[in-house]
Structures are given as C-alpha cells and as structure tokens.
Amino acid sequence: MNYSRTVTTEYGLVRGIVKDGCEEYLGIPFAMPPVGELAFKHPVPPEPWSGIFNAVRGAISPVQGKGTATLSTDGKDCLYLNVFVPEGIENNAPVMVWIYGGSYANGGSGRRSEDSDELVYDMAKFARETKTIVVTFNYRLNLEGFLNLNFLNKEFDKSNGLFDQMAALRFVRNNINRFGGDADNVTLFGQSAGAACIIALLGMPEAKLLFDKAIIQSACAESFWTEKQSERLTYKYLKFLGVSPDELHKLKDIDIETIHMANSKLRKMVLTEGNTTCAFSPVIDGTVIKSRPVDAAKASNKPILIGTCSQEGDAFICNIPTLSLPLAAYWFKFKFKPGKNTRRNMSDDFTATFYRLPSLELAREIKGPSWAYEYQYMTPDIEKRGAGCFHASDLPVLFGNSTSYANVDDPISRCVGEKMRELWSTFAYTGKLPWKPFKDGEEIKGLK
C-alpha cells in the first residue's frame, strides 16, 4: 500500500493512500457514531484519537431506503468523510464539498459494497482536473436523518441530516488547511436532494459561516414538508415499524431490515396519495427551517451557479405505462393533452414545475450574484434508448465515471465532461463564470 503523508487534524493524525494521482484520505470520522444514547441526536464532535488513524478505506453509507441499486452496504455508524488532494496542487487550493442526492432516502459517500473498496463517488478524476481539494461525506437519511419525531419526544432532535452536513462543513473549515486547502474558499455542490439541502443551508443562520459559494444541480427545491404534514407521516411510519408513539426508545435498537421495509411502505403511501414530495423530506418547522427554503435563501449574498437537466421528468414519467398516463396526470396534477406527445408534455410540465421554475426563481431573486445553466447533452447510450436529459444523467459526465445508465467513454462525452469540470473549477476559484450573471441579462448557459 502506497501511503500518503500524515496530516495533523484537530482530533489526531491521519494517513491516507496515494492512488490515481491523488492523496486519498478515506473514512475520517467527523462526528461520534450516532448510535446508542447519541442516536436521533444532532452530531457531536468525535473523540480525539492517539497514534495515526489509517484513512485508507471508505466507510459504509447511511441506512438506505429499500431497493437501492447504487450500493449494498449501509448502517447506522456512518458519519465519516473523504478528502481527495491532487498530487502537485498548489497550497491554499479551493475546496469543493459534494452533497449527494437520493430523495433523502438513498445515497452516500461510502463503499459500494462490503466486498469492494470502490466508492459511490470516486472524486480522484474530478479533483485532478478541477485542481481543487474535494471532500465527500455521509449524512443520515430516512428515519434517522429526517423523520419528525421531535413533536412526540424532545429527546429526538430535528433535522439530523442537515446538522450532519453542518458538522462535516465545520470539520472542513477547521481542518482543510492542513491538507493544503483554503478554508476561506469552500464551494458546496450537490444534486437533487443534496442540492435542495444546499438551498436550505443558504437560508440557515447556523450555516452562514461554513461555506462561501454554491453550485446547485437539479434541486428538488419544493420537496419539504410542513409541520402538520410531517406529523401525520410520522404516525403512519411508526405503524409500519410496529412502534407506538410512547415507545420511541425502541427505535434506537431497531434492525436495519425492518427500517428498509417501513421506508418502502412510506414511499409507496406517499406516491399513491399523489404527492411528489419525497417521503422523508426535511420539515419547515419555523425553527431549523423557518420558511420555504427558496424564499429564505434569497437573502443570501453568496454566489451561486444553479441549473437543471432539460428533461428532468423523463426519469419519472418514462416508467409510467402508457395506459396509466391519464390517471397519473390526474393523480399528480400534471398537464394532460392526449396525443403522440402526451408523455413528452407531461415530462416537460414536471421538469418545469418541480425543477426549472423554482431554480430560476432563486437565481433571479437571490441577493448575491447568480449564474444559470441547463444541461442538454445525452450520452450515446441514453440517446439510443430514446430518453432525454433526465434527472441525474449529468453526473456520470460531470465526474467522468461511467454508470449502468450512461457510458461516458466516448470522445464527445469526454469533451462535455472536461468542459463541465473546467466551468465548475472556474467557479470554485473565482466565484464567477464566463457568461452574464442571470439577473443582469437573464442568460442561461446551455451545457451540451
């Protein structure tokens, strides 16, 4: 094993590995394990360690919703982060911190499986080509991260997933300079639920000093519950688990497979009720999240780059059988016009309503400077399948990593990916982009 240099953090020494042109520090604890007495609590700093912590293998990811194909290893002891430092990078390099999506139910930054060291997000290529230090981390999902239990028992904290994100960012602010990063130039970037979390963080005073800029990709910007809605869902979910409201202590020891089954039932219930909000969405409670996140974020003076894929809705509408399209349109309140373009019209309506319009609203009204983009490129295998630029189809191209649905190992895909990494890097370094700020000319850059 080719070890990296040893870095002194505020909690102790860490040593990673050198791989793919990067120093990789994998599985560094940024909080105490959220288990036992710390379960369902806001994260607390890790205990300092003695000796050298060998950060050479990614951790597991948080407890998943049932049915994820992305990874097969998950667990409750998940609050770890990874740092990717390109070899030869200049000191005080910009820092980019990735927040993954997955409907607040799936995703992570750990290993894909127990038997593999492959990470869900291998950022070595992205770090090398952007010439930035890249950080990925886990935050709690589902029951432990976002279910509202606080109204039943004050010992169960609110919005643990968001506080996990702030704990990771606090670790970055306090320690990234020791890896060679500029703690005063931190860019958050994230997709889908991760991007929606960034919007929430933009409007939270607790997060104001933890980052400097943001790249917001395909945010499900309206996927938040009201307090009343969340309370109803909590009661339903506890029934699925077989736990009564006065026995919440049992949740601390409940097994993961039971959680998986209850997660699946709650998601199915929310969908059958015609609701497009993610089942475990954060709660607008008037305290942690004080108001609609897009509105709260408008007061921020931080520079943002915000955009969507041109056919986000294809990821959802394409799976609906043709005979069920009228019912789905009625159920989810989509525009419906019979004809050969029915599916395209429904998808475009979904894209505009849930992704494009809220994103452009924030770009137009945020206090700080903003740039907007639309991702329009289809890899050859996606185009061959007849799908459009659907939700998350930009990620394999951005990171240069082929997936089960997008092979990026062709000249055009490589070229588009290189251009995207160049633009993301430019924004991380300068807080600006080579086209007009959105409010100045309402110009949207097409990435294709």
Protein backbone atom coordinates (compact mmCIF):
# COMPACT_ATOMS: atom_id res chain seq x y z
CA MET A 1 0.00 0.00 0.00
CA ASN A 2 1.34 3.41 -1.01
CA TYR A 3 0.65 5.62 1.99
CA SER A 4 0.17 9.37 1.76
CA ARG A 5 1.78 11.93 4.02
CA THR A 6 0.49 12.16 7.57
CA VAL A 7 -1.76 15.14 8.32
CA THR A 8 -2.42 16.63 11.75
CA THR A 9 -6.13 17.35 12.31
CA GLU A 10 -7.69 18.84 15.43
CA TYR A 11 -8.62 15.30 16.53
CA GLY A 12 -5.39 13.49 15.71
CA LEU A 13 -3.08 12.30 12.95
CA VAL A 14 -4.48 10.83 9.73
CA ARG A 15 -2.72 8.97 6.94
CA GLY A 16 -4.30 8.05 3.62
CA ILE A 17 -3.21 6.40 0.41
CA VAL A 18 -1.82 7.68 -2.90
CA LYS A 19 -3.94 6.48 -5.80
CA ASP A 20 -4.94 7.75 -9.26
CA GLY A 21 -2.84 10.90 -8.92
CA CYS A 22 -4.42 11.87 -5.60
CA GLU A 23 -3.79 11.60 -1.92
CA GLU A 24 -6.99 9.98 -0.70
CA TYR A 25 -7.96 10.18 2.97
CA LEU A 26 -10.95 7.85 3.29
CA GLY A 27 -13.31 7.29 6.21
CA ILE A 28 -12.22 10.08 8.56
CA PRO A 29 -14.71 10.44 11.46
CA PHE A 30 -16.19 13.95 11.67
CA ALA A 31 -18.61 13.08 14.49
CA MET A 32 -19.20 10.44 17.12
CA PRO A 33 -21.12 7.38 15.88
CA PRO A 34 -24.83 8.34 16.10
CA VAL A 35 -25.83 5.18 17.94
CA GLY A 36 -26.99 4.30 21.45
CA GLU A 37 -27.51 7.45 23.50
CA LEU A 38 -26.41 9.57 20.53
CA ALA A 39 -28.99 8.09 18.15
CA PHE A 40 -31.51 10.61 16.81
CA LYS A 41 -29.40 13.45 18.20
CA HIS A 42 -27.58 16.24 16.45
CA PRO A 43 -23.99 15.13 15.80
CA VAL A 44 -21.30 15.72 18.40
CA PRO A 45 -17.55 16.05 17.62
CA PRO A 46 -15.51 12.84 17.55
CA GLU A 47 -13.26 11.84 20.39
CA PRO A 48 -9.58 12.66 19.73
CA TRP A 49 -7.51 9.60 18.88
CA SER A 50 -3.95 8.65 19.69
CA GLY A 51 -1.45 7.40 17.15
CA ILE A 52 -2.10 7.55 13.41
CA PHE A 53 -5.59 6.98 12.02
CA ASN A 54 -5.21 4.99 8.80
CA ALA A 55 -7.79 6.59 6.49
CA VAL A 56 -7.31 4.05 3.72
CA ARG A 57 -10.80 2.63 3.12
CA GLY A 58 -14.19 4.25 2.70
CA ALA A 59 -16.79 3.77 5.41
CA ILE A 60 -20.25 2.32 4.93
CA SER A 61 -23.05 4.64 3.81
CA PRO A 62 -26.08 5.56 5.95
CA VAL A 63 -29.16 3.37 6.28
CA GLN A 64 -30.83 3.26 2.87
CA GLY A 65 -34.34 3.18 1.59
CA LYS A 66 -35.24 -0.25 0.31
CA GLY A 67 -34.34 -1.12 -3.27
CA THR A 68 -31.26 0.98 -3.98
CA ALA A 69 -29.10 -0.31 -6.80
CA THR A 70 -26.29 2.14 -6.07
CA LEU A 71 -24.83 0.40 -3.03
CA SER A 72 -25.39 -2.69 -0.94
CA THR A 73 -23.78 -1.77 2.36
CA ASP A 74 -25.37 0.59 4.84
CA GLY A 75 -25.50 1.14 8.58
CA LYS A 76 -26.04 3.47 11.49
CA ASP A 77 -22.37 4.23 12.24
CA CYS A 78 -21.89 6.34 9.12
CA LEU A 79 -20.60 9.84 9.93
CA TYR A 80 -17.31 9.77 8.03
CA LEU A 81 -15.80 11.87 5.26
CA ASN A 82 -13.27 11.53 2.44
CA VAL A 83 -10.68 14.06 1.26
CA PHE A 84 -9.15 13.96 -2.24
CA VAL A 85 -5.97 16.03 -2.68
CA PRO A 86 -4.46 16.04 -6.21
CA GLU A 87 -0.71 15.49 -6.29
CA GLY A 88 1.24 18.66 -7.05
CA ILE A 89 -1.65 21.00 -6.27
CA GLU A 90 -0.71 24.47 -5.04
CA ASN A 91 -1.15 25.30 -1.37
CA ASN A 92 -4.37 27.08 -0.36
CA ALA A 93 -6.29 25.43 -3.18
CA PRO A 94 -10.06 25.96 -3.46
CA VAL A 95 -12.17 23.35 -1.69
CA MET A 96 -15.26 21.69 -3.18
CA VAL A 97 -17.63 19.76 -0.90
CA TRP A 98 -20.10 17.35 -2.52
CA ILE A 99 -23.57 16.67 -1.05
CA TYR A 100 -25.19 13.63 -2.67
CA GLY A 101 -28.83 13.29 -3.64
CA GLY A 102 -31.22 10.36 -3.42
CA SER A 103 -34.62 11.67 -2.27
CA TYR A 104 -33.36 11.92 1.34
CA ALA A 105 -33.66 8.14 1.36
CA ASN A 106 -30.79 6.70 -0.69
CA GLY A 107 -27.20 7.62 -1.38
CA GLY A 108 -23.91 8.00 0.42
CA SER A 109 -20.21 8.57 0.06
CA GLY A 110 -19.04 5.22 1.32
CA ARG A 111 -18.16 1.94 -0.38
CA ARG A 112 -20.48 0.42 -2.93
CA SER A 113 -20.39 -2.98 -1.23
CA GLU A 114 -18.85 -4.77 1.71
CA ASP A 115 -16.54 -6.78 -0.54
CA SER A 116 -15.28 -3.83 -2.57
CA ASP A 117 -13.23 -0.70 -1.92
CA GLU A 118 -14.97 1.11 -4.81
CA LEU A 119 -16.64 4.30 -3.62
CA VAL A 120 -20.09 5.50 -4.60
CA TYR A 121 -18.39 8.79 -5.59
CA ASP A 122 -14.76 8.39 -6.61
CA MET A 123 -13.63 12.00 -6.88
CA ALA A 124 -9.99 11.47 -7.89
CA LYS A 125 -10.52 12.40 -11.55
CA PHE A 126 -12.74 15.36 -10.67
CA ALA A 127 -10.20 16.66 -8.13
CA ARG A 128 -7.27 16.30 -10.53
CA GLU A 129 -8.97 18.07 -13.42
CA THR A 130 -10.55 20.87 -11.39
CA LYS A 131 -7.31 21.36 -9.41
CA THR A 132 -9.35 21.56 -6.23
CA ILE A 133 -9.42 19.64 -2.98
CA VAL A 134 -12.66 17.66 -2.93
CA VAL A 135 -14.49 16.45 0.17
CA THR A 136 -17.35 13.95 0.26
CA PHE A 137 -19.21 12.87 3.39
CA ASN A 138 -22.18 10.90 4.68
CA TYR A 139 -25.25 12.38 6.29
CA ARG A 140 -28.09 10.43 7.87
CA LEU A 141 -31.17 9.66 5.75
CA ASN A 142 -34.69 8.33 6.21
CA LEU A 143 -35.84 7.66 9.77
CA GLU A 144 -32.62 8.80 11.43
CA GLY A 145 -31.97 11.82 9.25
CA PHE A 146 -35.31 13.48 8.52
CA LEU A 147 -38.34 11.88 10.19
CA ASN A 148 -40.01 14.37 12.56
CA LEU A 149 -40.06 12.70 15.99
CA ASN A 150 -39.36 15.84 17.99
CA PHE A 151 -43.02 16.77 18.42
CA LEU A 152 -43.56 13.43 20.20
CA ASN A 153 -40.40 13.45 22.31
CA LYS A 154 -37.99 16.37 22.69
CA GLU A 155 -35.10 13.91 23.21
CA PHE A 156 -35.30 13.22 19.46
CA ASP A 157 -33.66 16.14 17.64
CA LYS A 158 -34.94 17.79 14.47
CA SER A 159 -33.37 17.65 11.00
CA ASN A 160 -30.41 15.47 11.96
CA GLY A 161 -29.37 15.09 8.32
CA LEU A 162 -28.92 18.85 7.91
CA PHE A 163 -26.94 19.07 11.15
CA ASP A 164 -24.71 16.20 9.93
CA GLN A 165 -23.97 18.33 6.87
CA MET A 166 -23.07 21.31 9.03
CA ALA A 167 -20.83 19.14 11.22
CA ALA A 168 -18.93 17.95 8.14
CA LEU A 169 -18.59 21.54 6.92
CA ARG A 170 -17.32 22.58 10.35
CA PHE A 171 -14.65 19.86 10.11
CA VAL A 172 -13.68 21.24 6.70
CA ARG A 173 -13.47 24.84 7.96
CA ASN A 174 -11.30 23.83 10.91
CA ASN A 175 -9.01 21.29 9.24
CA ILE A 176 -8.84 21.57 5.46
CA ASN A 177 -5.90 23.99 5.55
CA ARG A 178 -3.81 21.13 6.96
CA PHE A 179 -4.50 19.17 3.77
CA GLY A 180 -3.50 22.18 1.65
CA GLY A 181 -6.94 23.69 1.14
CA ASP A 182 -8.16 27.24 1.56
CA ALA A 183 -10.65 27.21 4.43
CA ASP A 184 -11.92 30.60 3.25
CA ASN A 185 -12.81 29.36 -0.22
CA VAL A 186 -15.26 26.48 0.19
CA THR A 187 -17.78 25.71 -2.57
CA LEU A 188 -20.70 23.42 -1.85
CA PHE A 189 -22.02 21.46 -4.80
CA GLY A 190 -24.78 18.90 -4.80
CA GLN A 191 -27.57 17.34 -6.83
CA SER A 192 -31.28 16.66 -6.28
CA ALA A 193 -31.97 16.29 -2.53
CA GLY A 194 -28.36 17.31 -1.90
CA ALA A 195 -28.93 20.48 -3.91
CA ALA A 196 -32.18 21.15 -2.03
CA CYS A 197 -30.22 20.82 1.22
CA ILE A 198 -27.81 23.47 -0.07
CA ILE A 199 -30.78 25.77 -0.66
CA ALA A 200 -31.89 25.13 2.92
CA LEU A 201 -28.36 25.80 4.23
CA LEU A 202 -28.24 29.11 2.32
CA GLY A 203 -31.16 30.27 4.45
CA MET A 204 -29.98 28.94 7.83
CA PRO A 205 -28.02 31.31 10.12
CA GLU A 206 -26.21 28.31 11.65
CA ALA A 207 -24.66 27.51 8.26
CA LYS A 208 -23.81 31.04 7.14
CA LEU A 209 -20.11 30.89 8.04
CA LEU A 210 -19.49 27.31 6.88
CA PHE A 211 -19.18 27.85 3.11
CA ASP A 212 -18.62 30.61 0.57
CA LYS A 213 -20.29 29.63 -2.74
CA ALA A 214 -22.70 27.03 -4.02
CA ILE A 215 -23.37 25.00 -7.18
CA ILE A 216 -26.98 23.77 -7.12
CA GLN A 217 -27.73 20.94 -9.57
CA SER A 218 -31.29 19.76 -10.26
CA ALA A 219 -32.61 20.72 -6.84
CA CYS A 220 -35.98 19.27 -5.79
CA ALA A 221 -36.46 22.73 -4.33
CA GLU A 222 -40.07 22.31 -3.24
CA SER A 223 -39.64 18.90 -1.58
CA PHE A 224 -40.18 19.95 2.04
CA TRP A 225 -42.99 19.07 4.45
CA THR A 226 -44.96 21.41 6.65
CA GLU A 227 -45.00 20.60 10.36
CA LYS A 228 -48.58 19.31 10.14
CA GLN A 229 -47.84 17.10 7.13
CA SER A 230 -44.75 15.66 8.78
CA GLU A 231 -46.61 14.76 11.96
CA ARG A 232 -49.15 12.75 10.01
CA LEU A 233 -46.40 10.89 8.17
CA THR A 234 -44.60 10.16 11.44
CA TYR A 235 -47.66 8.43 12.88
CA LYS A 236 -48.06 6.38 9.68
CA TYR A 237 -44.39 5.41 9.64
CA LEU A 238 -44.38 4.31 13.28
CA LYS A 239 -47.30 2.00 12.46
CA PHE A 240 -45.28 0.49 9.63
CA LEU A 241 -42.46 -0.15 12.12
CA GLY A 242 -44.80 -1.52 14.76
CA VAL A 243 -43.65 1.07 17.31
CA SER A 244 -46.14 3.12 19.32
CA PRO A 245 -45.57 6.89 19.83
CA ASP A 246 -44.86 6.34 23.54
CA GLU A 247 -42.20 3.69 22.81
CA LEU A 248 -39.78 5.74 20.72
CA HIS A 249 -36.82 4.38 22.71
CA LYS A 250 -37.27 1.14 20.73
CA LEU A 251 -36.15 2.97 17.58
CA LYS A 252 -32.57 3.12 18.85
CA ASP A 253 -32.20 -0.65 18.56
CA ILE A 254 -34.46 -1.43 15.63
CA ASP A 255 -32.83 -3.58 12.94
CA ILE A 256 -31.98 -2.22 9.52
CA GLU A 257 -34.11 -4.65 7.52
CA THR A 258 -37.22 -3.56 9.43
CA ILE A 259 -36.32 0.05 8.62
CA HIS A 260 -35.90 -0.85 4.94
CA MET A 261 -39.39 -2.39 4.81
CA ALA A 262 -41.02 0.57 6.57
CA ASN A 263 -39.20 3.00 4.27
CA SER A 264 -40.59 1.20 1.25
CA LYS A 265 -44.14 1.30 2.66
CA LEU A 266 -43.98 5.02 3.43
CA ARG A 267 -42.66 5.86 -0.03
CA LYS A 268 -45.43 3.79 -1.65
CA MET A 269 -48.05 5.50 0.52
CA VAL A 270 -46.84 8.99 -0.39
CA LEU A 271 -46.87 8.14 -4.11
CA THR A 272 -50.31 6.55 -4.06
CA GLU A 273 -51.64 9.71 -2.43
CA GLY A 274 -50.48 11.66 -5.49
CA ASN A 275 -47.74 13.53 -3.66
CA THR A 276 -44.49 14.37 -5.44
CA THR A 277 -42.70 15.43 -2.24
CA CYS A 278 -40.05 12.91 -1.17
CA ALA A 279 -41.30 10.75 1.69
CA PHE A 280 -38.54 11.78 4.13
CA SER A 281 -38.19 15.42 3.15
CA PRO A 282 -36.98 17.99 5.72
CA VAL A 283 -39.62 19.86 7.70
CA ILE A 284 -40.40 23.58 7.58
CA ASP A 285 -40.77 23.80 11.34
CA GLY A 286 -40.28 27.53 11.95
CA THR A 287 -37.08 26.95 13.91
CA VAL A 288 -34.45 24.95 11.99
CA ILE A 289 -36.08 25.71 8.64
CA LYS A 290 -38.06 28.86 9.27
CA SER A 291 -39.87 29.26 5.96
CA ARG A 292 -39.97 27.98 2.38
CA PRO A 293 -36.24 27.33 1.71
CA VAL A 294 -36.18 29.07 -1.69
CA ASP A 295 -37.56 32.21 -0.03
CA ALA A 296 -35.14 32.06 2.90
CA ALA A 297 -32.18 31.51 0.56
CA LYS A 298 -32.95 34.70 -1.36
CA ALA A 299 -31.42 36.76 1.46
CA SER A 300 -28.02 35.12 0.93
CA ASN A 301 -25.22 37.14 -0.67
CA LYS A 302 -23.19 34.06 -1.60
CA PRO A 303 -22.52 33.50 -5.33
CA ILE A 304 -24.44 30.58 -6.82
CA LEU A 305 -24.43 28.56 -10.03
CA ILE A 306 -27.80 26.87 -10.42
CA GLY A 307 -29.29 24.72 -13.13
CA THR A 308 -31.28 21.71 -14.23
CA CYS A 309 -31.29 18.97 -16.83
CA SER A 310 -33.50 19.80 -19.80
CA GLN A 311 -35.77 16.77 -19.36
CA GLU A 312 -35.57 16.03 -15.64
CA GLY A 313 -39.03 14.50 -15.65
CA ASP A 314 -38.10 11.70 -18.06
CA ALA A 315 -36.56 9.79 -15.14
CA PHE A 316 -40.03 9.55 -13.59
CA ILE A 317 -42.59 9.82 -16.41
CA CYS A 318 -40.91 7.29 -18.73
CA ASN A 319 -41.63 4.47 -16.26
CA ILE A 320 -45.39 5.05 -16.27
CA PRO A 321 -47.28 2.62 -18.58
CA THR A 322 -48.98 4.38 -21.48
CA LEU A 323 -52.47 3.30 -20.39
CA SER A 324 -51.83 4.80 -16.96
CA LEU A 325 -50.76 8.25 -18.17
CA PRO A 326 -54.22 9.89 -17.83
CA LEU A 327 -54.59 8.59 -14.27
CA ALA A 328 -51.04 9.67 -13.39
CA ALA A 329 -51.68 13.14 -14.80
CA TYR A 330 -54.85 13.46 -12.73
CA TRP A 331 -53.21 11.94 -9.65
CA PHE A 332 -50.11 14.15 -9.66
CA LYS A 333 -51.81 17.24 -11.16
CA PHE A 334 -49.77 17.23 -14.39
CA LYS A 335 -50.97 18.89 -17.56
CA PHE A 336 -52.52 16.25 -19.80
CA LYS A 337 -53.18 16.55 -23.52
CA PRO A 338 -53.92 13.29 -25.39
CA GLY A 339 -51.82 12.59 -28.46
CA LYS A 340 -48.47 11.31 -29.58
CA ASN A 341 -46.62 13.89 -27.42
CA THR A 342 -48.54 13.14 -24.22
CA ARG A 343 -45.56 11.68 -22.38
CA ARG A 344 -43.22 14.48 -23.51
CA ASN A 345 -45.70 17.16 -22.44
CA MET A 346 -46.17 15.57 -19.01
CA SER A 347 -42.44 15.25 -18.52
CA ASP A 348 -41.81 18.84 -19.57
CA ASP A 349 -44.51 20.04 -17.17
CA PHE A 350 -42.94 18.01 -14.35
CA THR A 351 -39.50 19.41 -15.20
CA ALA A 352 -40.69 23.00 -15.20
CA THR A 353 -42.86 22.79 -12.10
CA PHE A 354 -40.57 20.86 -9.78
CA TYR A 355 -37.10 21.78 -11.04
CA ARG A 356 -36.65 24.61 -13.55
CA LEU A 357 -39.03 27.31 -12.30
CA PRO A 358 -38.04 27.18 -8.60
CA SER A 359 -34.36 27.19 -9.61
CA LEU A 360 -34.78 30.23 -11.86
CA GLU A 361 -36.83 31.96 -9.17
CA LEU A 362 -33.89 31.64 -6.79
CA ALA A 363 -31.40 32.70 -9.48
CA ARG A 364 -33.48 35.79 -10.21
CA GLU A 365 -34.17 36.90 -6.63
CA ILE A 366 -31.15 35.87 -4.54
CA LYS A 367 -29.25 38.82 -3.08
CA GLY A 368 -25.85 37.57 -4.25
CA PRO A 369 -24.67 37.07 -7.85
CA SER A 370 -26.10 34.09 -9.73
CA TRP A 371 -25.45 32.19 -12.93
CA ALA A 372 -27.88 29.71 -14.50
CA TYR A 373 -27.38 26.74 -16.82
CA GLU A 374 -29.36 23.98 -18.49
CA TYR A 375 -27.74 20.61 -19.14
CA GLN A 376 -28.77 19.40 -22.61
CA TYR A 377 -26.33 16.62 -23.52
CA MET A 378 -27.29 12.98 -23.98
CA THR A 379 -24.62 10.27 -23.99
CA PRO A 380 -24.90 7.90 -26.99
CA ASP A 381 -26.43 5.04 -24.99
CA ILE A 382 -29.03 7.34 -23.38
CA GLU A 383 -29.92 8.78 -26.81
CA LYS A 384 -30.18 5.26 -28.23
CA ARG A 385 -32.73 4.35 -25.56
CA GLY A 386 -34.87 7.33 -26.56
CA ALA A 387 -34.57 9.03 -23.17
CA GLY A 388 -33.92 12.73 -22.78
CA CYS A 389 -31.56 14.56 -20.44
CA PHE A 390 -33.24 13.04 -17.42
CA HIS A 391 -32.66 13.63 -13.72
CA ALA A 392 -29.07 12.72 -12.72
CA SER A 393 -27.95 11.99 -16.30
CA ASP A 394 -25.39 14.79 -15.92
CA LEU A 395 -23.50 13.17 -13.04
CA PRO A 396 -21.58 10.46 -14.95
CA VAL A 397 -20.43 13.11 -17.44
CA LEU A 398 -19.50 15.62 -14.73
CA PHE A 399 -17.45 13.10 -12.76
CA GLY A 400 -16.13 11.17 -15.77
CA ASN A 401 -17.33 7.85 -14.39
CA SER A 402 -19.49 5.50 -16.47
CA THR A 403 -22.56 4.03 -14.78
CA SER A 404 -25.19 1.41 -15.53
CA TYR A 405 -27.22 4.01 -17.46
CA ALA A 406 -24.52 6.18 -19.05
CA ASN A 407 -21.24 5.17 -20.67
CA VAL A 408 -19.04 8.27 -20.88
CA ASP A 409 -16.06 6.61 -22.54
CA ASP A 410 -16.58 8.21 -25.95
CA PRO A 411 -14.94 11.36 -27.39
CA ILE A 412 -17.96 13.67 -27.19
CA SER A 413 -18.91 12.65 -23.64
CA ARG A 414 -15.31 13.11 -22.54
CA CYS A 415 -15.24 16.57 -24.15
CA VAL A 416 -18.50 17.66 -22.47
CA GLY A 417 -17.25 16.34 -19.13
CA GLU A 418 -13.97 18.22 -19.46
CA LYS A 419 -15.86 21.44 -20.21
CA MET A 420 -18.14 20.97 -17.21
CA ARG A 421 -15.19 20.32 -14.89
CA GLU A 422 -13.48 23.43 -16.29
CA LEU A 423 -16.56 25.56 -15.52
CA TRP A 424 -17.07 24.09 -12.04
CA SER A 425 -13.38 24.74 -11.38
CA THR A 426 -13.60 28.33 -12.62
CA PHE A 427 -16.48 28.98 -10.26
CA ALA A 428 -14.64 27.37 -7.34
CA TYR A 429 -11.56 29.50 -7.98
CA THR A 430 -13.20 32.84 -8.80
CA GLY A 431 -16.88 32.80 -7.86
CA LYS A 432 -17.65 33.88 -11.43
CA LEU A 433 -18.40 32.31 -14.82
CA PRO A 434 -17.72 33.36 -18.43
CA TRP A 435 -21.32 34.32 -19.24
CA LYS A 436 -23.63 37.01 -17.91
CA PRO A 437 -24.91 36.79 -14.34
CA PHE A 438 -28.53 35.73 -14.53
CA LYS A 439 -30.04 38.91 -13.10
CA ASP A 440 -28.03 41.12 -15.44
CA GLY A 441 -29.20 39.55 -18.66
CA GLU A 442 -31.30 36.55 -17.66
CA GLU A 443 -28.95 34.42 -19.72
CA ILE A 444 -28.99 30.65 -19.29
CA LYS A 445 -25.93 28.76 -20.47
CA GLY A 446 -26.72 25.56 -22.34
CA LEU A 447 -24.27 22.75 -21.47
CA LYS A 448 -24.20 20.30 -24.35
